[in-house]
Amino acid sequence: MQRRRFIISATALITAVLWPVTQALAHTPYAQWDLFRKRNLQILTSHSDLPGDTIGDEWVDFLRKKLPLSRAMVSRARDVLRVASLLKTDQSKLAVLSYQHAEAMMTSAAPFEDYKDMPLQVMFDNGTHVLVARKDLPLHHGFLIAVTLLEQAGPMHLTVPLKGKFGMQVHPGARAAALGEKIEMPPAETV
């Protein structure tokens, strides 16, 4: 009888000690990833589109110089399908897409058949590639990005396509910046 009580007590003690350890190991780092995405302006590019990757690097370098608090960075996906997946699931807000990929993504043409109704808006066009944003990119974020990149519009050949492109609307923040309008900015702690 005492042996049974000892085994039950020992099991309860071991479980009580090891339970927090097993719970700590069982959790994913999603909370840290979510915080990282909120603190850093990420622009997706794809290893399968090297010109787009180079363009993304140029735009991010300029954003880092002019908006250092944005912590702008390029995040490279292995291919454009992964870019579509990250945009669709709201794991990223911005991406550089070639005309071909942007049009195929918006029309759900091959290889994007599984990505219908992409919530994208166009921000910039450089003649071969577009910077797209999710529709839920805050107005003031789009405005700040647009105002900053439009400073270098000449050397980068950037324009804001005011009529949209490939079935995408223009992001309202980019449109406001292109038209020289002013928008109300939120308090600094929420930017």
C-alpha atoms as a PDB file:
ATOM      1  CA  MET A   1       0.000   0.000   0.000  1.00  0.00           C
ATOM      2  CA  GLN A   2       2.806   2.401   0.866  1.00  0.00           C
ATOM      3  CA  ARG A   3       4.596   1.419  -2.304  1.00  0.00           C
ATOM      4  CA  ARG A   4       1.567   2.455  -4.373  1.00  0.00           C
ATOM      5  CA  ARG A   5       1.299   5.755  -2.477  1.00  0.00           C
ATOM      6  CA  PHE A   6       5.029   6.385  -3.052  1.00  0.00           C
ATOM      7  CA  ILE A   7       4.706   5.744  -6.805  1.00  0.00           C
ATOM      8  CA  ILE A   8       1.676   8.041  -7.096  1.00  0.00           C
ATOM      9  CA  SER A   9       3.436  10.788  -5.108  1.00  0.00           C
ATOM     10  CA  ALA A  10       6.650  10.436  -7.147  1.00  0.00           C
ATOM     11  CA  THR A  11       4.707  10.561 -10.418  1.00  0.00           C
ATOM     12  CA  ALA A  12       2.811  13.663  -9.311  1.00  0.00           C
ATOM     13  CA  LEU A  13       6.051  15.363  -8.248  1.00  0.00           C
ATOM     14  CA  ILE A  14       7.843  14.546 -11.513  1.00  0.00           C
ATOM     15  CA  THR A  15       4.839  15.717 -13.526  1.00  0.00           C
ATOM     16  CA  ALA A  16       4.647  18.966 -11.558  1.00  0.00           C
ATOM     17  CA  VAL A  17       8.339  19.654 -12.130  1.00  0.00           C
ATOM     18  CA  LEU A  18       8.469  18.666 -15.820  1.00  0.00           C
ATOM     19  CA  TRP A  19       5.112  20.120 -16.934  1.00  0.00           C
ATOM     20  CA  PRO A  20       6.380  23.710 -17.363  1.00  0.00           C
ATOM     21  CA  VAL A  21       9.435  22.454 -19.264  1.00  0.00           C
ATOM     22  CA  THR A  22       7.344  20.412 -21.695  1.00  0.00           C
ATOM     23  CA  GLN A  23       4.973  23.345 -22.220  1.00  0.00           C
ATOM     24  CA  ALA A  24       7.859  25.700 -22.945  1.00  0.00           C
ATOM     25  CA  LEU A  25       9.240  23.301 -25.535  1.00  0.00           C
ATOM     26  CA  ALA A  26       5.830  22.734 -27.107  1.00  0.00           C
ATOM     27  CA  HIS A  27       5.172  26.392 -28.021  1.00  0.00           C
ATOM     28  CA  THR A  28       6.190  27.760 -31.396  1.00  0.00           C
ATOM     29  CA  PRO A  29       8.008  31.066 -31.839  1.00  0.00           C
ATOM     30  CA  TYR A  30       4.956  32.524 -33.653  1.00  0.00           C
ATOM     31  CA  ALA A  31       4.576  35.337 -31.144  1.00  0.00           C
ATOM     32  CA  GLN A  32       8.156  36.453 -31.810  1.00  0.00           C
ATOM     33  CA  TRP A  33       7.604  36.197 -35.587  1.00  0.00           C
ATOM     34  CA  ASP A  34       4.446  38.277 -35.341  1.00  0.00           C
ATOM     35  CA  LEU A  35       6.283  40.937 -33.323  1.00  0.00           C
ATOM     36  CA  PHE A  36       9.172  40.886 -35.811  1.00  0.00           C
ATOM     37  CA  ARG A  37       6.758  41.472 -38.719  1.00  0.00           C
ATOM     38  CA  LYS A  38       5.180  44.412 -36.894  1.00  0.00           C
ATOM     39  CA  ARG A  39       8.507  46.065 -36.076  1.00  0.00           C
ATOM     40  CA  ASN A  40      10.223  45.638 -39.448  1.00  0.00           C
ATOM     41  CA  LEU A  41       9.024  46.783 -42.860  1.00  0.00           C
ATOM     42  CA  GLN A  42       9.480  43.685 -44.974  1.00  0.00           C
ATOM     43  CA  ILE A  43       9.286  43.686 -48.747  1.00  0.00           C
ATOM     44  CA  LEU A  44       9.006  40.237 -50.265  1.00  0.00           C
ATOM     45  CA  THR A  45      10.962  39.243 -53.329  1.00  0.00           C
ATOM     46  CA  SER A  46      11.553  35.880 -54.925  1.00  0.00           C
ATOM     47  CA  HIS A  47      14.722  33.944 -55.688  1.00  0.00           C
ATOM     48  CA  SER A  48      13.022  32.866 -58.922  1.00  0.00           C
ATOM     49  CA  ASP A  49      12.768  36.509 -60.112  1.00  0.00           C
ATOM     50  CA  LEU A  50      16.303  37.872 -59.889  1.00  0.00           C
ATOM     51  CA  PRO A  51      15.560  41.259 -61.544  1.00  0.00           C
ATOM     52  CA  GLY A  52      12.709  41.746 -59.060  1.00  0.00           C
ATOM     53  CA  ASP A  53      15.014  40.790 -56.228  1.00  0.00           C
ATOM     54  CA  THR A  54      17.531  43.422 -57.346  1.00  0.00           C
ATOM     55  CA  ILE A  55      14.776  46.052 -57.595  1.00  0.00           C
ATOM     56  CA  GLY A  56      13.582  45.142 -54.105  1.00  0.00           C
ATOM     57  CA  ASP A  57      17.128  45.607 -52.786  1.00  0.00           C
ATOM     58  CA  GLU A  58      17.346  49.085 -54.356  1.00  0.00           C
ATOM     59  CA  TRP A  59      14.013  50.205 -52.951  1.00  0.00           C
ATOM     60  CA  VAL A  60      14.787  48.831 -49.496  1.00  0.00           C
ATOM     61  CA  ASP A  61      18.230  50.470 -49.429  1.00  0.00           C
ATOM     62  CA  PHE A  62      16.644  53.837 -50.132  1.00  0.00           C
ATOM     63  CA  LEU A  63      13.902  53.292 -47.538  1.00  0.00           C
ATOM     64  CA  ARG A  64      16.511  52.321 -44.933  1.00  0.00           C
ATOM     65  CA  LYS A  65      18.456  55.517 -45.591  1.00  0.00           C
ATOM     66  CA  LYS A  66      15.450  57.864 -45.582  1.00  0.00           C
ATOM     67  CA  LEU A  67      13.193  56.055 -43.066  1.00  0.00           C
ATOM     68  CA  PRO A  68      15.606  54.308 -40.682  1.00  0.00           C
ATOM     69  CA  LEU A  69      12.891  53.666 -38.088  1.00  0.00           C
ATOM     70  CA  SER A  70      11.031  51.540 -40.624  1.00  0.00           C
ATOM     71  CA  ARG A  71      13.789  48.925 -40.344  1.00  0.00           C
ATOM     72  CA  ALA A  72      13.121  48.124 -44.008  1.00  0.00           C
ATOM     73  CA  MET A  73      14.403  44.777 -45.226  1.00  0.00           C
ATOM     74  CA  VAL A  74      14.036  42.371 -48.100  1.00  0.00           C
ATOM     75  CA  SER A  75      12.556  38.996 -47.288  1.00  0.00           C
ATOM     76  CA  ARG A  76      13.279  36.490 -50.024  1.00  0.00           C
ATOM     77  CA  ALA A  77      10.914  33.641 -50.748  1.00  0.00           C
ATOM     78  CA  ARG A  78      12.065  30.592 -52.689  1.00  0.00           C
ATOM     79  CA  ASP A  79       9.541  31.215 -55.490  1.00  0.00           C
ATOM     80  CA  VAL A  80       6.558  33.360 -56.426  1.00  0.00           C
ATOM     81  CA  LEU A  81       4.094  30.748 -55.175  1.00  0.00           C
ATOM     82  CA  ARG A  82       5.530  31.241 -51.708  1.00  0.00           C
ATOM     83  CA  VAL A  83       5.233  35.015 -52.156  1.00  0.00           C
ATOM     84  CA  ALA A  84       1.545  34.542 -53.031  1.00  0.00           C
ATOM     85  CA  SER A  85       1.046  32.315 -50.003  1.00  0.00           C
ATOM     86  CA  LEU A  86       2.674  34.818 -47.626  1.00  0.00           C
ATOM     87  CA  LEU A  87       0.604  37.672 -49.027  1.00  0.00           C
ATOM     88  CA  LYS A  88      -2.661  35.727 -48.985  1.00  0.00           C
ATOM     89  CA  THR A  89      -2.194  34.590 -45.368  1.00  0.00           C
ATOM     90  CA  ASP A  90      -1.206  38.090 -44.183  1.00  0.00           C
ATOM     91  CA  GLN A  91       2.304  37.065 -43.220  1.00  0.00           C
ATOM     92  CA  SER A  92       3.642  39.923 -45.295  1.00  0.00           C
ATOM     93  CA  LYS A  93       2.166  43.227 -46.460  1.00  0.00           C
ATOM     94  CA  LEU A  94       4.395  44.189 -49.426  1.00  0.00           C
ATOM     95  CA  ALA A  95       5.971  42.386 -52.375  1.00  0.00           C
ATOM     96  CA  VAL A  96       7.819  43.125 -55.597  1.00  0.00           C
ATOM     97  CA  LEU A  97       6.205  41.279 -58.514  1.00  0.00           C
ATOM     98  CA  SER A  98       6.971  41.208 -62.219  1.00  0.00           C
ATOM     99  CA  TYR A  99       4.150  42.286 -64.520  1.00  0.00           C
ATOM    100  CA  GLN A 100       3.682  38.660 -65.568  1.00  0.00           C
ATOM    101  CA  HIS A 101       3.401  37.378 -61.991  1.00  0.00           C
ATOM    102  CA  ALA A 102       1.196  40.263 -60.820  1.00  0.00           C
ATOM    103  CA  GLU A 103      -1.276  39.737 -63.639  1.00  0.00           C
ATOM    104  CA  ALA A 104      -1.317  35.948 -63.186  1.00  0.00           C
ATOM    105  CA  MET A 105      -1.786  36.334 -59.429  1.00  0.00           C
ATOM    106  CA  MET A 106      -4.704  38.745 -59.816  1.00  0.00           C
ATOM    107  CA  THR A 107      -6.453  36.590 -62.434  1.00  0.00           C
ATOM    108  CA  SER A 108      -5.716  33.307 -60.624  1.00  0.00           C
ATOM    109  CA  ALA A 109      -3.953  32.057 -63.754  1.00  0.00           C
ATOM    110  CA  ALA A 110      -1.343  29.291 -63.605  1.00  0.00           C
ATOM    111  CA  PRO A 111       0.455  28.743 -61.264  1.00  0.00           C
ATOM    112  CA  PHE A 112      -1.764  30.797 -58.916  1.00  0.00           C
ATOM    113  CA  GLU A 113      -5.036  28.875 -59.264  1.00  0.00           C
ATOM    114  CA  ASP A 114      -5.172  28.303 -55.486  1.00  0.00           C
ATOM    115  CA  TYR A 115      -4.855  32.025 -54.703  1.00  0.00           C
ATOM    116  CA  LYS A 116      -8.172  33.488 -55.792  1.00  0.00           C
ATOM    117  CA  ASP A 117      -9.279  36.930 -54.618  1.00  0.00           C
ATOM    118  CA  MET A 118      -5.859  38.193 -53.606  1.00  0.00           C
ATOM    119  CA  PRO A 119      -6.318  41.280 -51.414  1.00  0.00           C
ATOM    120  CA  LEU A 120      -3.695  43.370 -53.237  1.00  0.00           C
ATOM    121  CA  GLN A 121      -3.300  46.991 -54.276  1.00  0.00           C
ATOM    122  CA  VAL A 122      -0.557  48.445 -56.433  1.00  0.00           C
ATOM    123  CA  MET A 123       1.760  51.085 -54.994  1.00  0.00           C
ATOM    124  CA  PHE A 124       4.510  51.586 -57.592  1.00  0.00           C
ATOM    125  CA  ASP A 125       5.407  50.657 -61.124  1.00  0.00           C
ATOM    126  CA  ASN A 126       8.887  50.863 -62.617  1.00  0.00           C
ATOM    127  CA  GLY A 127       8.062  49.603 -66.117  1.00  0.00           C
ATOM    128  CA  THR A 128       8.745  45.902 -65.467  1.00  0.00           C
ATOM    129  CA  HIS A 129       7.791  45.318 -61.833  1.00  0.00           C
ATOM    130  CA  VAL A 130       5.212  46.576 -59.357  1.00  0.00           C
ATOM    131  CA  LEU A 131       5.310  47.013 -55.618  1.00  0.00           C
ATOM    132  CA  VAL A 132       2.058  45.569 -54.318  1.00  0.00           C
ATOM    133  CA  ALA A 133       0.552  45.935 -50.874  1.00  0.00           C
ATOM    134  CA  ARG A 134      -2.183  44.093 -49.061  1.00  0.00           C
ATOM    135  CA  LYS A 135      -5.384  46.128 -48.863  1.00  0.00           C
ATOM    136  CA  ASP A 136      -5.014  46.272 -45.087  1.00  0.00           C
ATOM    137  CA  LEU A 137      -1.657  48.075 -45.201  1.00  0.00           C
ATOM    138  CA  PRO A 138      -2.408  51.174 -43.104  1.00  0.00           C
ATOM    139  CA  LEU A 139      -3.003  54.348 -45.085  1.00  0.00           C
ATOM    140  CA  HIS A 140      -0.199  56.247 -43.342  1.00  0.00           C
ATOM    141  CA  HIS A 141       2.318  53.432 -43.925  1.00  0.00           C
ATOM    142  CA  GLY A 142       1.574  53.443 -47.638  1.00  0.00           C
ATOM    143  CA  PHE A 143       1.785  57.234 -47.675  1.00  0.00           C
ATOM    144  CA  LEU A 144       5.195  57.319 -45.940  1.00  0.00           C
ATOM    145  CA  ILE A 145       6.609  54.620 -48.220  1.00  0.00           C
ATOM    146  CA  ALA A 146       5.277  56.404 -51.299  1.00  0.00           C
ATOM    147  CA  VAL A 147       6.495  59.876 -50.297  1.00  0.00           C
ATOM    148  CA  THR A 148       9.935  58.464 -49.551  1.00  0.00           C
ATOM    149  CA  LEU A 149      10.303  56.427 -52.745  1.00  0.00           C
ATOM    150  CA  LEU A 150       8.893  59.209 -54.894  1.00  0.00           C
ATOM    151  CA  GLU A 151      11.887  61.337 -53.793  1.00  0.00           C
ATOM    152  CA  GLN A 152      13.974  58.975 -55.919  1.00  0.00           C
ATOM    153  CA  ALA A 153      11.350  58.397 -58.606  1.00  0.00           C
ATOM    154  CA  GLY A 154      13.569  59.784 -61.377  1.00  0.00           C
ATOM    155  CA  PRO A 155      16.619  57.548 -60.908  1.00  0.00           C
ATOM    156  CA  MET A 156      14.449  54.538 -60.049  1.00  0.00           C
ATOM    157  CA  HIS A 157      11.906  55.216 -62.830  1.00  0.00           C
ATOM    158  CA  LEU A 158       9.049  54.859 -60.359  1.00  0.00           C
ATOM    159  CA  THR A 159       5.502  55.972 -60.920  1.00  0.00           C
ATOM    160  CA  VAL A 160       2.274  55.477 -59.048  1.00  0.00           C
ATOM    161  CA  PRO A 161      -0.183  54.099 -61.605  1.00  0.00           C
ATOM    162  CA  LEU A 162      -3.234  56.195 -60.704  1.00  0.00           C
ATOM    163  CA  LYS A 163      -5.617  53.940 -62.647  1.00  0.00           C
ATOM    164  CA  GLY A 164      -4.369  50.719 -61.049  1.00  0.00           C
ATOM    165  CA  LYS A 165      -2.933  47.768 -62.864  1.00  0.00           C
ATOM    166  CA  PHE A 166      -3.928  44.154 -63.586  1.00  0.00           C
ATOM    167  CA  GLY A 167      -7.259  44.575 -61.825  1.00  0.00           C
ATOM    168  CA  MET A 168      -5.652  46.026 -58.699  1.00  0.00           C
ATOM    169  CA  GLN A 169      -6.714  49.338 -57.228  1.00  0.00           C
ATOM    170  CA  VAL A 170      -4.068  51.870 -56.219  1.00  0.00           C
ATOM    171  CA  HIS A 171      -3.233  51.951 -52.521  1.00  0.00           C
ATOM    172  CA  PRO A 172      -4.866  55.135 -51.139  1.00  0.00           C
ATOM    173  CA  GLY A 173      -1.677  56.199 -49.347  1.00  0.00           C
ATOM    174  CA  ALA A 174       0.397  55.916 -52.528  1.00  0.00           C
ATOM    175  CA  ARG A 175      -2.301  57.772 -54.488  1.00  0.00           C
ATOM    176  CA  ALA A 176      -2.344  60.607 -51.923  1.00  0.00           C
ATOM    177  CA  ALA A 177       1.450  60.892 -52.051  1.00  0.00           C
ATOM    178  CA  ALA A 178       1.490  60.928 -55.858  1.00  0.00           C
ATOM    179  CA  LEU A 179      -1.154  63.654 -55.980  1.00  0.00           C
ATOM    180  CA  GLY A 180       0.662  65.750 -53.365  1.00  0.00           C
ATOM    181  CA  GLU A 181      -2.155  65.434 -50.869  1.00  0.00           C
ATOM    182  CA  LYS A 182      -1.698  65.462 -47.117  1.00  0.00           C
ATOM    183  CA  ILE A 183      -3.075  62.829 -44.791  1.00  0.00           C
ATOM    184  CA  GLU A 184      -3.542  62.864 -41.059  1.00  0.00           C
ATOM    185  CA  MET A 185      -0.819  60.876 -39.342  1.00  0.00           C
ATOM    186  CA  PRO A 186      -1.553  58.919 -36.161  1.00  0.00           C
ATOM    187  CA  PRO A 187       0.306  59.720 -32.922  1.00  0.00           C
ATOM    188  CA  ALA A 188       3.957  58.648 -33.009  1.00  0.00           C
ATOM    189  CA  GLU A 189       3.547  55.684 -30.627  1.00  0.00           C
ATOM    190  CA  THR A 190       1.073  53.958 -32.997  1.00  0.00           C
ATOM    191  CA  VAL A 191       3.050  54.491 -36.196  1.00  0.00           C
END
